[in-house]
Amino acid sequence: MEGLRERIRELEGAVRWLREDNRRARVVEPAMQSRVGAPKMDWLAEPLLSKTRTPEQQRRETVKAEGKEVLSELLELVDGAKPVDLSALPENKLAWQPAREKPRFQLLKQAEDYEAWAAWRDEVLKQAKGLRNREQVKMQARQTGKVAARVNFLLPTLPSEKVQDTAVRIVEPGEFDDLKEAIGVA
C-alpha cells in the first residue's frame, strides 16, 4: 500500500512539472523570442503536414480569389479613368494631333477596357454560379435521398433461354463462354 502512495506522489510531481513546462513554453518563450537577436522559433508552431483540400474546395478558393482580383481590377479601372477634357481642343482642329490625345481615342480606350473587365466579371460569375448549382444539387440529393443519375444497360440474352433481370442465375463455364460470344467480348 505504501508503494502505491509513493507511486501516486511521483506521478503528481510529474504532472506538476509538465504543467510548469507547458506554462513556460506558452508564456516565457514567446516573450524571449520577441527580443532582438533571439532565435526565431515560429517554424516549430507550423503543422508538419499541410491540410489536404478537396478539388471542390480548391475550385471554390480559386473562384473566390479571382473574384477579389476582378474587384481590384475594377478599382484600378475607376482610379485610372480620367475625364476627357474637351476644352483643351486645339484651335486648328484639322492640324495633326497624336491619336492618343484625341478625345475619341480616349473614350474608346476606356470603353474597351470596361468591356474587357465586364467579360471577365461575367466569366467569374458564371463559374461561381456553376459551383453554387453543384452545391445545391448535392444538398438536394442528400436531403431527398435521390440519386443524381441512373445508368441502365441491357445485355443480349442467350439464344437458348431468356434471362430475367430480377433473377440471379449461376451458369456453367460453357454457358458463360456463350454469353461472352453473344456480347462480342470473346
Protein backbone atom coordinates (compact mmCIF):
# COMPACT_ATOMS: atom_id res chain seq x y z
CA MET A 1 0.00 0.00 0.00
CA GLU A 2 2.84 2.35 0.84
CA GLY A 3 4.39 1.60 -2.57
CA LEU A 4 1.21 2.76 -4.32
CA ARG A 5 1.16 6.02 -2.37
CA GLU A 6 4.78 6.64 -3.33
CA ARG A 7 3.92 5.97 -6.99
CA ILE A 8 0.97 8.43 -6.81
CA ARG A 9 3.27 11.14 -5.36
CA GLU A 10 5.75 10.55 -8.19
CA LEU A 11 3.00 10.87 -10.81
CA GLU A 12 1.64 14.05 -9.20
CA GLY A 13 5.15 15.52 -9.26
CA ALA A 14 5.47 14.64 -12.96
CA VAL A 15 2.13 16.32 -13.70
CA ARG A 16 3.21 19.48 -11.83
CA TRP A 17 6.48 19.58 -13.77
CA LEU A 18 4.65 19.13 -17.13
CA ARG A 19 2.20 21.92 -16.27
CA GLU A 20 5.04 24.26 -15.37
CA ASP A 21 6.94 23.35 -18.53
CA ASN A 22 3.83 23.98 -20.63
CA ARG A 23 3.28 27.36 -18.96
CA ARG A 24 6.90 28.29 -19.60
CA ALA A 25 6.61 27.29 -23.25
CA ARG A 26 3.49 29.38 -23.74
CA VAL A 27 4.36 32.47 -21.73
CA VAL A 28 8.07 32.88 -21.22
CA GLU A 29 9.50 31.61 -24.52
CA PRO A 30 7.35 33.78 -26.84
CA ALA A 31 8.36 36.81 -24.77
CA MET A 32 12.02 35.83 -25.21
CA GLN A 33 11.60 35.37 -28.95
CA SER A 34 10.27 38.89 -29.37
CA ARG A 35 13.60 40.29 -28.17
CA VAL A 36 16.10 41.47 -30.74
CA GLY A 37 18.68 38.80 -31.53
CA ALA A 38 16.60 35.95 -30.13
CA PRO A 39 16.37 32.89 -32.37
CA LYS A 40 13.11 32.64 -34.31
CA MET A 41 11.15 29.54 -33.42
CA ASP A 42 7.93 30.29 -35.31
CA TRP A 43 8.53 27.39 -37.66
CA LEU A 44 8.00 25.00 -34.73
CA ALA A 45 4.37 26.07 -34.40
CA GLU A 46 3.55 25.28 -38.05
CA PRO A 47 1.92 21.92 -38.80
CA LEU A 48 4.20 19.32 -40.33
CA LEU A 49 1.66 18.21 -42.90
CA SER A 50 -0.33 20.67 -44.92
CA LYS A 51 -4.07 20.28 -44.89
CA THR A 52 -5.30 18.43 -47.93
CA ARG A 53 -8.10 20.13 -49.77
CA THR A 54 -10.66 18.52 -51.99
CA PRO A 55 -10.88 19.62 -55.61
CA GLU A 56 -14.22 21.25 -54.79
CA GLN A 57 -12.57 23.39 -52.08
CA GLN A 58 -9.72 24.28 -54.44
CA ARG A 59 -12.22 25.39 -57.12
CA ARG A 60 -14.13 27.46 -54.56
CA GLU A 61 -10.93 29.15 -53.35
CA THR A 62 -9.83 29.80 -56.92
CA VAL A 63 -13.15 31.44 -57.81
CA LYS A 64 -13.06 33.48 -54.61
CA ALA A 65 -9.52 34.71 -55.33
CA GLU A 66 -10.42 35.53 -58.91
CA GLY A 67 -13.47 37.46 -57.69
CA LYS A 68 -11.20 39.55 -55.49
CA GLU A 69 -8.94 40.17 -58.49
CA VAL A 70 -11.97 41.30 -60.54
CA LEU A 71 -12.91 43.77 -57.81
CA SER A 72 -9.37 45.14 -57.53
CA GLU A 73 -9.19 45.47 -61.33
CA LEU A 74 -12.45 47.46 -61.26
CA LEU A 75 -10.98 49.75 -58.63
CA GLU A 76 -7.87 50.24 -60.78
CA LEU A 77 -10.05 50.86 -63.82
CA VAL A 78 -12.03 53.54 -62.00
CA ASP A 79 -8.92 55.06 -60.45
CA GLY A 80 -7.10 55.21 -63.79
CA ALA A 81 -10.02 56.66 -65.74
CA LYS A 82 -9.51 60.31 -66.48
CA PRO A 83 -12.26 62.57 -67.75
CA VAL A 84 -11.77 63.78 -71.29
CA ASP A 85 -11.04 67.49 -71.35
CA LEU A 86 -12.98 68.90 -74.29
CA SER A 87 -11.91 72.46 -73.50
CA ALA A 88 -8.31 71.59 -74.39
CA LEU A 89 -9.06 71.03 -78.08
CA PRO A 90 -6.64 72.78 -80.41
CA GLU A 91 -7.83 75.86 -82.30
CA ASN A 92 -6.94 74.27 -85.62
CA LYS A 93 -8.89 71.04 -85.46
CA LEU A 94 -7.59 69.89 -88.82
CA ALA A 95 -3.97 70.06 -87.72
CA TRP A 96 -2.16 66.79 -86.99
CA GLN A 97 -2.58 65.51 -83.44
CA PRO A 98 -1.35 62.25 -81.89
CA ALA A 99 -4.13 59.66 -81.79
CA ARG A 100 -3.75 59.11 -78.07
CA GLU A 101 -4.52 62.73 -77.36
CA LYS A 102 -7.79 62.74 -79.28
CA PRO A 103 -10.95 62.59 -77.16
CA ARG A 104 -12.46 59.85 -79.34
CA PHE A 105 -9.45 57.59 -78.79
CA GLN A 106 -9.54 58.17 -75.05
CA LEU A 107 -13.26 57.38 -74.82
CA LEU A 108 -12.95 54.26 -76.99
CA LYS A 109 -9.99 53.06 -74.93
CA GLN A 110 -11.96 53.44 -71.69
CA ALA A 111 -14.96 51.67 -73.24
CA GLU A 112 -12.73 48.83 -74.45
CA ASP A 113 -11.15 48.44 -71.02
CA TYR A 114 -14.58 48.35 -69.40
CA GLU A 115 -15.88 45.75 -71.89
CA ALA A 116 -12.86 43.53 -71.23
CA TRP A 117 -13.43 43.86 -67.49
CA ALA A 118 -17.18 43.14 -67.86
CA ALA A 119 -16.46 39.97 -69.88
CA TRP A 120 -14.02 38.80 -67.19
CA ARG A 121 -16.57 39.57 -64.46
CA ASP A 122 -19.26 37.61 -66.33
CA GLU A 123 -16.93 34.62 -66.65
CA VAL A 124 -16.16 34.63 -62.93
CA LEU A 125 -19.87 34.96 -62.11
CA LYS A 126 -20.60 32.04 -64.41
CA GLN A 127 -18.02 29.91 -62.58
CA ALA A 128 -19.44 30.94 -59.19
CA LYS A 129 -22.99 30.08 -60.28
CA GLY A 130 -21.76 26.71 -61.53
CA LEU A 131 -20.23 25.99 -58.13
CA ARG A 132 -23.38 27.13 -56.35
CA ASN A 133 -25.57 24.95 -58.59
CA ARG A 134 -23.31 21.97 -57.93
CA GLU A 135 -23.62 22.50 -54.19
CA GLN A 136 -27.41 22.88 -54.42
CA VAL A 137 -27.74 19.63 -56.38
CA LYS A 138 -25.63 17.82 -53.79
CA MET A 139 -27.69 19.24 -50.93
CA GLN A 140 -30.97 18.27 -52.61
CA ALA A 141 -29.67 14.76 -53.25
CA ARG A 142 -28.66 14.42 -49.61
CA GLN A 143 -31.98 15.74 -48.32
CA THR A 144 -34.24 13.74 -50.60
CA GLY A 145 -32.06 10.65 -50.80
CA LYS A 146 -32.36 10.65 -54.58
CA VAL A 147 -29.51 9.71 -56.84
CA ALA A 148 -28.09 12.19 -59.31
CA ALA A 149 -28.01 9.76 -62.26
CA ARG A 150 -29.02 6.25 -63.17
CA VAL A 151 -27.48 4.02 -65.78
CA ASN A 152 -29.50 1.30 -67.46
CA PHE A 153 -27.91 -1.15 -69.82
CA LEU A 154 -29.16 -4.32 -71.43
CA LEU A 155 -27.07 -7.36 -72.18
CA PRO A 156 -28.06 -9.59 -75.06
CA THR A 157 -29.77 -12.73 -73.88
CA LEU A 158 -28.60 -16.20 -74.70
CA PRO A 159 -30.37 -17.66 -77.71
CA SER A 160 -31.31 -20.80 -75.82
CA GLU A 161 -33.02 -19.17 -72.89
CA LYS A 162 -34.16 -15.70 -71.84
CA VAL A 163 -32.75 -14.44 -68.56
CA GLN A 164 -34.95 -12.21 -66.44
CA ASP A 165 -33.23 -9.17 -64.97
CA THR A 166 -34.69 -9.77 -61.49
CA ALA A 167 -33.27 -13.28 -61.08
CA VAL A 168 -29.69 -14.29 -60.48
CA ARG A 169 -28.65 -17.46 -62.20
CA ILE A 170 -25.49 -19.44 -61.71
CA VAL A 171 -24.20 -20.76 -65.03
CA GLU A 172 -21.74 -23.40 -66.03
CA PRO A 173 -18.41 -22.29 -67.56
CA GLY A 174 -19.52 -23.28 -71.06
CA GLU A 175 -22.70 -21.19 -70.85
CA PHE A 176 -20.63 -18.18 -69.74
CA ASP A 177 -18.47 -18.53 -72.84
CA ASP A 178 -21.66 -18.49 -74.96
CA LEU A 179 -22.69 -15.25 -73.22
CA LYS A 180 -19.30 -13.66 -73.92
CA GLU A 181 -19.58 -14.62 -77.59
CA ALA A 182 -23.10 -13.18 -77.78
CA ILE A 183 -21.88 -9.91 -76.28
CA GLY A 184 -18.88 -9.83 -78.56
CA VAL A 185 -16.22 -9.95 -75.88
CA ALA A 186 -14.69 -13.29 -76.77
